[in-house]
Amino acid sequence: MEAKSIKIRNRKAHFNYQILDKYEAGIELKGCEVKSVRMGNVSLEGAYVKLLDAEAFMVGMHINPYEYSGLDRPDPDRERRLLLHKREIKKIGDKQSLQNLTVVPLSLYFKRGLVKLEIALAKGKKLYDKRDALKKKTILKEIGGERSRR
């Protein structure tokens, strides 16, 4: 019997970006950070992926310090290395530079006891695109409300 899988989502990602390609990456964490992730003390808002010298790093992800860890607590906002194959990093880097895209995290979860991060190549939405998305969402809510009243 598998334990309940913890999934932390970046709620603003789908609102601010148009998602094009998704990838699954491992993430290099310290022991006390993994315990903190298990407790759900993670924020992905404002985070992005930076590619340097055939390596990928997560920037801006905040992991609250585990309260029972010792004095050697890592910085909550430090850059964390992502574990991807070199060909995946090259493919992401090529697409990112050619099409002027951003790499954003979508969710953080456990898979067979390991912390995994779902990242995506995304294109920023314009303000009018965001307004259209909100308008469609409110219309769908109103339609759903009318059906439940009947």
N, C-alpha and C. Protein backbone atom coordinates (compact mmCIF):
# COMPACT_ATOMS: atom_id res chain seq x y z
N MET A 1 0.84 -1.18 0.00
CA MET A 1 0.00 0.00 0.00
C MET A 1 0.88 1.24 0.00
N GLU A 2 0.69 2.12 -0.97
CA GLU A 2 1.53 3.30 -1.12
C GLU A 2 0.98 4.45 -0.29
N ALA A 3 1.88 5.23 0.30
CA ALA A 3 1.48 6.36 1.12
C ALA A 3 0.88 7.46 0.25
N LYS A 4 0.16 8.37 0.89
CA LYS A 4 -0.47 9.48 0.19
C LYS A 4 0.61 10.36 -0.46
N SER A 5 0.48 10.61 -1.74
CA SER A 5 1.47 11.39 -2.47
C SER A 5 1.20 12.88 -2.28
N ILE A 6 2.21 13.61 -1.83
CA ILE A 6 2.09 15.04 -1.60
C ILE A 6 2.37 15.74 -2.92
N LYS A 7 1.50 16.66 -3.30
CA LYS A 7 1.68 17.38 -4.55
C LYS A 7 1.50 18.87 -4.29
N ILE A 8 2.55 19.63 -4.56
CA ILE A 8 2.51 21.07 -4.41
C ILE A 8 2.45 21.66 -5.82
N ARG A 9 1.49 22.54 -6.05
CA ARG A 9 1.28 23.10 -7.39
C ARG A 9 1.65 24.57 -7.43
N ASN A 10 2.08 25.01 -8.60
CA ASN A 10 2.30 26.42 -8.87
C ASN A 10 1.02 26.92 -9.52
N ARG A 11 0.15 27.51 -8.74
CA ARG A 11 -1.18 27.87 -9.22
C ARG A 11 -1.16 28.98 -10.27
N LYS A 12 -0.21 29.87 -10.16
CA LYS A 12 -0.14 31.00 -11.08
C LYS A 12 0.44 30.64 -12.45
N ALA A 13 1.08 29.48 -12.57
CA ALA A 13 1.76 29.13 -13.81
C ALA A 13 0.80 29.06 -15.00
N HIS A 14 -0.34 28.41 -14.83
CA HIS A 14 -1.29 28.27 -15.94
C HIS A 14 -1.99 29.60 -16.25
N PHE A 15 -2.05 30.48 -15.26
CA PHE A 15 -2.69 31.78 -15.48
C PHE A 15 -1.73 32.73 -16.20
N ASN A 16 -0.46 32.73 -15.82
CA ASN A 16 0.50 33.67 -16.38
C ASN A 16 1.19 33.18 -17.64
N TYR A 17 1.16 31.88 -17.91
CA TYR A 17 1.90 31.32 -19.03
C TYR A 17 1.04 30.38 -19.86
N GLN A 18 1.38 30.28 -21.12
CA GLN A 18 0.80 29.27 -22.01
C GLN A 18 1.79 28.11 -22.03
N ILE A 19 1.39 26.96 -21.53
CA ILE A 19 2.27 25.81 -21.36
C ILE A 19 2.43 25.10 -22.72
N LEU A 20 3.69 24.86 -23.13
CA LEU A 20 3.96 24.22 -24.41
C LEU A 20 4.45 22.78 -24.25
N ASP A 21 5.55 22.55 -23.54
CA ASP A 21 6.10 21.21 -23.32
C ASP A 21 6.32 20.98 -21.84
N LYS A 22 6.09 19.74 -21.40
CA LYS A 22 6.29 19.39 -19.99
C LYS A 22 7.41 18.36 -19.87
N TYR A 23 8.17 18.46 -18.77
CA TYR A 23 9.26 17.52 -18.47
C TYR A 23 9.21 17.17 -17.00
N GLU A 24 9.70 15.98 -16.67
CA GLU A 24 9.82 15.56 -15.27
C GLU A 24 11.29 15.55 -14.91
N ALA A 25 11.63 16.20 -13.80
CA ALA A 25 13.03 16.29 -13.38
C ALA A 25 13.14 15.91 -11.91
N GLY A 26 14.26 15.30 -11.58
CA GLY A 26 14.58 15.10 -10.18
C GLY A 26 15.17 16.39 -9.65
N ILE A 27 15.27 16.50 -8.34
CA ILE A 27 15.83 17.71 -7.75
C ILE A 27 16.76 17.32 -6.61
N GLU A 28 17.90 17.97 -6.54
CA GLU A 28 18.92 17.68 -5.55
C GLU A 28 18.60 18.46 -4.27
N LEU A 29 18.23 17.73 -3.21
CA LEU A 29 17.86 18.35 -1.94
C LEU A 29 18.67 17.75 -0.80
N LYS A 30 18.76 18.50 0.29
CA LYS A 30 19.38 18.00 1.51
C LYS A 30 18.31 17.26 2.31
N GLY A 31 18.72 16.46 3.29
CA GLY A 31 17.79 15.63 4.05
C GLY A 31 16.70 16.41 4.76
N CYS A 32 17.09 17.51 5.41
CA CYS A 32 16.09 18.30 6.13
C CYS A 32 15.13 19.01 5.17
N GLU A 33 15.58 19.27 3.93
CA GLU A 33 14.70 19.88 2.94
C GLU A 33 13.64 18.88 2.49
N VAL A 34 14.02 17.62 2.37
CA VAL A 34 13.07 16.59 1.96
C VAL A 34 11.98 16.45 3.03
N LYS A 35 12.38 16.49 4.28
CA LYS A 35 11.39 16.39 5.37
C LYS A 35 10.45 17.58 5.34
N SER A 36 10.97 18.74 5.04
CA SER A 36 10.14 19.93 4.95
C SER A 36 9.18 19.85 3.77
N VAL A 37 9.64 19.28 2.66
CA VAL A 37 8.77 19.09 1.48
C VAL A 37 7.65 18.12 1.83
N ARG A 38 7.97 17.05 2.55
CA ARG A 38 6.95 16.08 2.97
C ARG A 38 5.85 16.75 3.79
N MET A 39 6.23 17.77 4.55
CA MET A 39 5.25 18.50 5.37
C MET A 39 4.50 19.55 4.55
N GLY A 40 4.93 19.77 3.31
CA GLY A 40 4.23 20.71 2.43
C GLY A 40 4.67 22.15 2.59
N ASN A 41 5.84 22.39 3.16
CA ASN A 41 6.33 23.75 3.40
C ASN A 41 7.16 24.26 2.22
N VAL A 42 6.54 24.32 1.04
CA VAL A 42 7.24 24.72 -0.18
C VAL A 42 6.39 25.74 -0.92
N SER A 43 7.06 26.71 -1.53
CA SER A 43 6.39 27.67 -2.38
C SER A 43 7.08 27.70 -3.74
N LEU A 44 6.31 27.50 -4.80
CA LEU A 44 6.84 27.51 -6.16
C LEU A 44 6.56 28.82 -6.89
N GLU A 45 5.80 29.71 -6.28
CA GLU A 45 5.43 30.95 -6.96
C GLU A 45 6.66 31.83 -7.16
N GLY A 46 6.80 32.32 -8.36
CA GLY A 46 7.93 33.17 -8.69
C GLY A 46 9.20 32.41 -9.03
N ALA A 47 9.14 31.09 -9.03
CA ALA A 47 10.32 30.27 -9.32
C ALA A 47 10.46 30.06 -10.82
N TYR A 48 11.69 29.83 -11.25
CA TYR A 48 11.97 29.55 -12.65
C TYR A 48 13.23 28.69 -12.74
N VAL A 49 13.49 28.15 -13.93
CA VAL A 49 14.65 27.30 -14.16
C VAL A 49 15.69 28.09 -14.95
N LYS A 50 16.94 28.01 -14.48
CA LYS A 50 18.05 28.68 -15.15
C LYS A 50 18.99 27.60 -15.68
N LEU A 51 19.38 27.72 -16.95
CA LEU A 51 20.29 26.76 -17.58
C LEU A 51 21.68 27.36 -17.66
N LEU A 52 22.69 26.64 -17.10
CA LEU A 52 24.08 27.09 -17.13
C LEU A 52 24.99 25.91 -17.41
N ASP A 53 25.82 26.01 -18.44
CA ASP A 53 26.85 25.01 -18.72
C ASP A 53 26.34 23.57 -18.66
N ALA A 54 25.32 23.26 -19.39
CA ALA A 54 24.74 21.92 -19.48
C ALA A 54 24.21 21.42 -18.13
N GLU A 55 23.80 22.34 -17.27
CA GLU A 55 23.14 22.01 -16.01
C GLU A 55 21.93 22.91 -15.85
N ALA A 56 20.93 22.40 -15.13
CA ALA A 56 19.71 23.17 -14.88
C ALA A 56 19.59 23.43 -13.38
N PHE A 57 19.21 24.65 -13.02
CA PHE A 57 19.07 25.03 -11.63
C PHE A 57 17.70 25.65 -11.39
N MET A 58 17.08 25.32 -10.25
CA MET A 58 15.81 25.90 -9.85
C MET A 58 16.12 27.14 -9.02
N VAL A 59 15.60 28.28 -9.44
CA VAL A 59 15.84 29.55 -8.77
C VAL A 59 14.51 30.08 -8.24
N GLY A 60 14.50 30.55 -7.01
CA GLY A 60 13.32 31.19 -6.45
C GLY A 60 12.35 30.26 -5.75
N MET A 61 12.65 28.99 -5.66
CA MET A 61 11.80 28.06 -4.93
C MET A 61 12.13 28.18 -3.45
N HIS A 62 11.13 28.42 -2.63
CA HIS A 62 11.34 28.61 -1.20
C HIS A 62 10.90 27.36 -0.44
N ILE A 63 11.83 26.77 0.31
CA ILE A 63 11.52 25.64 1.18
C ILE A 63 11.77 26.09 2.61
N ASN A 64 10.70 26.18 3.39
CA ASN A 64 10.85 26.58 4.79
C ASN A 64 11.75 25.60 5.52
N PRO A 65 12.61 26.09 6.42
CA PRO A 65 13.50 25.18 7.15
C PRO A 65 12.69 24.20 8.02
N TYR A 66 13.18 22.97 8.07
CA TYR A 66 12.56 21.94 8.92
C TYR A 66 12.82 22.33 10.36
N GLU A 67 11.77 22.38 11.15
CA GLU A 67 11.89 22.93 12.50
C GLU A 67 12.74 22.08 13.44
N TYR A 68 12.88 20.79 13.19
CA TYR A 68 13.65 19.93 14.08
C TYR A 68 15.08 19.68 13.60
N SER A 69 15.49 20.39 12.54
CA SER A 69 16.86 20.18 12.05
C SER A 69 17.85 20.93 12.94
N GLY A 70 19.11 20.59 12.82
CA GLY A 70 20.15 21.19 13.66
C GLY A 70 20.52 22.58 13.20
N LEU A 71 21.73 22.96 13.52
CA LEU A 71 22.20 24.31 13.20
C LEU A 71 22.66 24.46 11.76
N ASP A 72 22.88 23.36 11.06
CA ASP A 72 23.37 23.42 9.68
C ASP A 72 22.24 23.46 8.66
N ARG A 73 21.27 24.33 8.89
CA ARG A 73 20.13 24.47 7.97
C ARG A 73 20.57 25.15 6.68
N PRO A 74 20.18 24.61 5.53
CA PRO A 74 20.52 25.28 4.26
C PRO A 74 19.66 26.52 4.06
N ASP A 75 20.11 27.41 3.20
CA ASP A 75 19.37 28.63 2.88
C ASP A 75 18.05 28.25 2.21
N PRO A 76 16.91 28.77 2.69
CA PRO A 76 15.61 28.39 2.12
C PRO A 76 15.42 28.79 0.66
N ASP A 77 16.16 29.80 0.19
CA ASP A 77 15.98 30.29 -1.18
C ASP A 77 17.17 29.97 -2.08
N ARG A 78 17.99 29.00 -1.71
CA ARG A 78 19.19 28.69 -2.50
C ARG A 78 18.81 28.07 -3.84
N GLU A 79 19.75 28.14 -4.79
CA GLU A 79 19.55 27.48 -6.08
C GLU A 79 19.73 25.98 -5.89
N ARG A 80 18.83 25.21 -6.48
CA ARG A 80 18.89 23.75 -6.36
C ARG A 80 19.06 23.16 -7.76
N ARG A 81 19.97 22.19 -7.86
CA ARG A 81 20.27 21.58 -9.15
C ARG A 81 19.16 20.61 -9.53
N LEU A 82 18.77 20.65 -10.79
CA LEU A 82 17.77 19.71 -11.31
C LEU A 82 18.49 18.55 -11.97
N LEU A 83 17.93 17.37 -11.83
CA LEU A 83 18.53 16.16 -12.37
C LEU A 83 17.82 15.77 -13.66
N LEU A 84 18.44 16.15 -14.76
CA LEU A 84 17.93 15.86 -16.10
C LEU A 84 19.07 15.28 -16.93
N HIS A 85 18.73 14.54 -17.97
CA HIS A 85 19.74 14.06 -18.90
C HIS A 85 20.29 15.24 -19.69
N LYS A 86 21.54 15.15 -20.10
CA LYS A 86 22.18 16.24 -20.84
C LYS A 86 21.44 16.55 -22.14
N ARG A 87 20.93 15.51 -22.80
CA ARG A 87 20.22 15.75 -24.05
C ARG A 87 18.90 16.49 -23.79
N GLU A 88 18.26 16.23 -22.64
CA GLU A 88 17.04 16.96 -22.30
C GLU A 88 17.36 18.43 -22.03
N ILE A 89 18.44 18.67 -21.30
CA ILE A 89 18.84 20.05 -21.00
C ILE A 89 19.16 20.79 -22.29
N LYS A 90 19.87 20.12 -23.20
CA LYS A 90 20.22 20.75 -24.48
C LYS A 90 18.96 21.05 -25.30
N LYS A 91 18.02 20.12 -25.31
CA LYS A 91 16.77 20.30 -26.05
C LYS A 91 15.97 21.47 -25.48
N ILE A 92 15.88 21.54 -24.15
CA ILE A 92 15.16 22.64 -23.49
C ILE A 92 15.85 23.97 -23.77
N GLY A 93 17.18 23.98 -23.67
CA GLY A 93 17.94 25.20 -23.91
C GLY A 93 17.80 25.70 -25.33
N ASP A 94 17.82 24.79 -26.30
CA ASP A 94 17.66 25.19 -27.70
C ASP A 94 16.29 25.80 -27.95
N LYS A 95 15.25 25.15 -27.45
CA LYS A 95 13.89 25.67 -27.64
C LYS A 95 13.73 27.01 -26.94
N GLN A 96 14.31 27.11 -25.73
CA GLN A 96 14.18 28.33 -24.95
C GLN A 96 14.83 29.52 -25.66
N SER A 97 16.02 29.32 -26.21
CA SER A 97 16.72 30.43 -26.85
C SER A 97 16.11 30.80 -28.21
N LEU A 98 15.67 29.81 -28.98
CA LEU A 98 15.11 30.08 -30.30
C LEU A 98 13.75 30.74 -30.25
N GLN A 99 12.90 30.29 -29.35
CA GLN A 99 11.51 30.75 -29.33
C GLN A 99 11.23 31.77 -28.22
N ASN A 100 12.29 32.18 -27.49
CA ASN A 100 12.15 33.15 -26.40
C ASN A 100 11.12 32.68 -25.36
N LEU A 101 11.35 31.49 -24.82
CA LEU A 101 10.45 30.89 -23.85
C LEU A 101 11.05 30.92 -22.44
N THR A 102 10.23 30.63 -21.46
CA THR A 102 10.64 30.54 -20.06
C THR A 102 10.41 29.11 -19.60
N VAL A 103 11.24 28.65 -18.67
CA VAL A 103 11.05 27.33 -18.08
C VAL A 103 10.55 27.55 -16.66
N VAL A 104 9.32 27.10 -16.38
CA VAL A 104 8.70 27.32 -15.07
C VAL A 104 8.33 25.98 -14.42
N PRO A 105 8.33 25.93 -13.09
CA PRO A 105 7.88 24.72 -12.41
C PRO A 105 6.36 24.69 -12.33
N LEU A 106 5.78 23.52 -12.53
CA LEU A 106 4.32 23.37 -12.43
C LEU A 106 3.92 22.72 -11.12
N SER A 107 4.64 21.65 -10.74
CA SER A 107 4.28 20.95 -9.51
C SER A 107 5.49 20.21 -8.94
N LEU A 108 5.41 19.92 -7.67
CA LEU A 108 6.44 19.18 -6.94
C LEU A 108 5.73 18.02 -6.25
N TYR A 109 6.24 16.80 -6.42
CA TYR A 109 5.56 15.63 -5.88
C TYR A 109 6.56 14.52 -5.61
N PHE A 110 6.09 13.47 -4.93
CA PHE A 110 6.91 12.30 -4.65
C PHE A 110 6.53 11.18 -5.61
N LYS A 111 7.54 10.49 -6.13
CA LYS A 111 7.32 9.36 -7.01
C LYS A 111 8.27 8.26 -6.55
N ARG A 112 7.74 7.18 -6.04
CA ARG A 112 8.53 6.07 -5.50
C ARG A 112 9.55 6.54 -4.47
N GLY A 113 9.14 7.47 -3.61
CA GLY A 113 10.00 7.95 -2.53
C GLY A 113 10.97 9.04 -2.92
N LEU A 114 11.00 9.44 -4.19
CA LEU A 114 11.91 10.49 -4.64
C LEU A 114 11.12 11.75 -4.97
N VAL A 115 11.74 12.90 -4.71
CA VAL A 115 11.10 14.17 -5.01
C VAL A 115 11.27 14.46 -6.50
N LYS A 116 10.17 14.71 -7.17
CA LYS A 116 10.17 15.02 -8.61
C LYS A 116 9.54 16.39 -8.82
N LEU A 117 9.99 17.04 -9.87
CA LEU A 117 9.50 18.37 -10.21
C LEU A 117 9.02 18.35 -11.66
N GLU A 118 7.81 18.79 -11.88
CA GLU A 118 7.30 18.89 -13.24
C GLU A 118 7.57 20.31 -13.72
N ILE A 119 8.39 20.43 -14.76
CA ILE A 119 8.71 21.73 -15.32
C ILE A 119 8.13 21.82 -16.73
N ALA A 120 7.98 23.06 -17.20
CA ALA A 120 7.38 23.24 -18.52
C ALA A 120 8.03 24.40 -19.25
N LEU A 121 8.16 24.24 -20.56
CA LEU A 121 8.52 25.35 -21.42
C LEU A 121 7.24 26.15 -21.62
N ALA A 122 7.30 27.44 -21.35
CA ALA A 122 6.09 28.24 -21.37
C ALA A 122 6.34 29.59 -22.03
N LYS A 123 5.27 30.12 -22.58
CA LYS A 123 5.32 31.44 -23.19
C LYS A 123 4.42 32.36 -22.37
N GLY A 124 4.93 33.53 -22.02
CA GLY A 124 4.16 34.47 -21.20
C GLY A 124 2.90 34.95 -21.91
N LYS A 125 1.80 35.02 -21.15
CA LYS A 125 0.54 35.52 -21.71
C LYS A 125 0.52 37.05 -21.62
N LYS A 126 -0.14 37.65 -22.57
CA LYS A 126 -0.36 39.09 -22.54
C LYS A 126 -1.54 39.38 -21.62
N LEU A 127 -1.71 40.64 -21.24
CA LEU A 127 -2.77 41.03 -20.32
C LEU A 127 -4.15 40.70 -20.87
N TYR A 128 -4.36 40.91 -22.17
CA TYR A 128 -5.68 40.63 -22.75
C TYR A 128 -5.97 39.13 -22.76
N ASP A 129 -4.93 38.28 -22.88
CA ASP A 129 -5.13 36.83 -22.80
C ASP A 129 -5.60 36.43 -21.41
N LYS A 130 -5.03 37.07 -20.39
CA LYS A 130 -5.42 36.78 -19.01
C LYS A 130 -6.87 37.20 -18.76
N ARG A 131 -7.25 38.34 -19.33
CA ARG A 131 -8.64 38.82 -19.18
C ARG A 131 -9.61 37.86 -19.84
N ASP A 132 -9.27 37.36 -21.01
CA ASP A 132 -10.12 36.39 -21.70
C ASP A 132 -10.28 35.12 -20.87
N ALA A 133 -9.18 34.66 -20.28
CA ALA A 133 -9.23 33.45 -19.45
C ALA A 133 -10.15 33.66 -18.25
N LEU A 134 -10.06 34.82 -17.60
CA LEU A 134 -10.94 35.11 -16.46
C LEU A 134 -12.40 35.19 -16.89
N LYS A 135 -12.64 35.80 -18.05
CA LYS A 135 -14.01 35.93 -18.55
C LYS A 135 -14.62 34.55 -18.81
N LYS A 136 -13.86 33.66 -19.45
CA LYS A 136 -14.34 32.30 -19.73
C LYS A 136 -14.60 31.55 -18.44
N LYS A 137 -13.74 31.74 -17.46
CA LYS A 137 -13.88 31.04 -16.17
C LYS A 137 -15.17 31.48 -15.46
N THR A 138 -15.44 32.79 -15.45
CA THR A 138 -16.65 33.28 -14.79
C THR A 138 -17.91 32.81 -15.53
N ILE A 139 -17.86 32.76 -16.86
CA ILE A 139 -19.02 32.29 -17.64
C ILE A 139 -19.29 30.82 -17.31
N LEU A 140 -18.23 30.01 -17.25
CA LEU A 140 -18.41 28.60 -16.91
C LEU A 140 -18.96 28.41 -15.50
N LYS A 141 -18.55 29.27 -14.57
CA LYS A 141 -19.08 29.20 -13.20
C LYS A 141 -20.57 29.52 -13.18
N GLU A 142 -20.95 30.56 -13.93
CA GLU A 142 -22.37 30.94 -13.98
C GLU A 142 -23.22 29.85 -14.59
N ILE A 143 -22.72 29.22 -15.65
CA ILE A 143 -23.46 28.13 -16.28
C ILE A 143 -23.60 26.96 -15.32
N GLY A 144 -22.53 26.63 -14.61
CA GLY A 144 -22.58 25.55 -13.63
C GLY A 144 -23.53 25.85 -12.48
N GLY A 145 -23.60 27.12 -12.07
CA GLY A 145 -24.51 27.53 -11.00
C GLY A 145 -25.96 27.41 -11.40
N GLU A 146 -26.28 27.73 -12.67
CA GLU A 146 -27.66 27.65 -13.15
C GLU A 146 -28.11 26.19 -13.20
N ARG A 147 -27.22 25.30 -13.58
CA ARG A 147 -27.58 23.87 -13.67
C ARG A 147 -27.86 23.31 -12.29
N SER A 148 -27.11 23.75 -11.28
CA SER A 148 -27.32 23.20 -9.94
C SER A 148 -28.60 23.75 -9.31
N ARG A 149 -29.09 24.91 -9.76
CA ARG A 149 -30.33 25.49 -9.22
C ARG A 149 -31.57 24.76 -9.71
N ARG A 150 -31.46 24.15 -10.88
CA ARG A 150 -32.64 23.50 -11.49
C ARG A 150 -32.99 22.24 -10.82
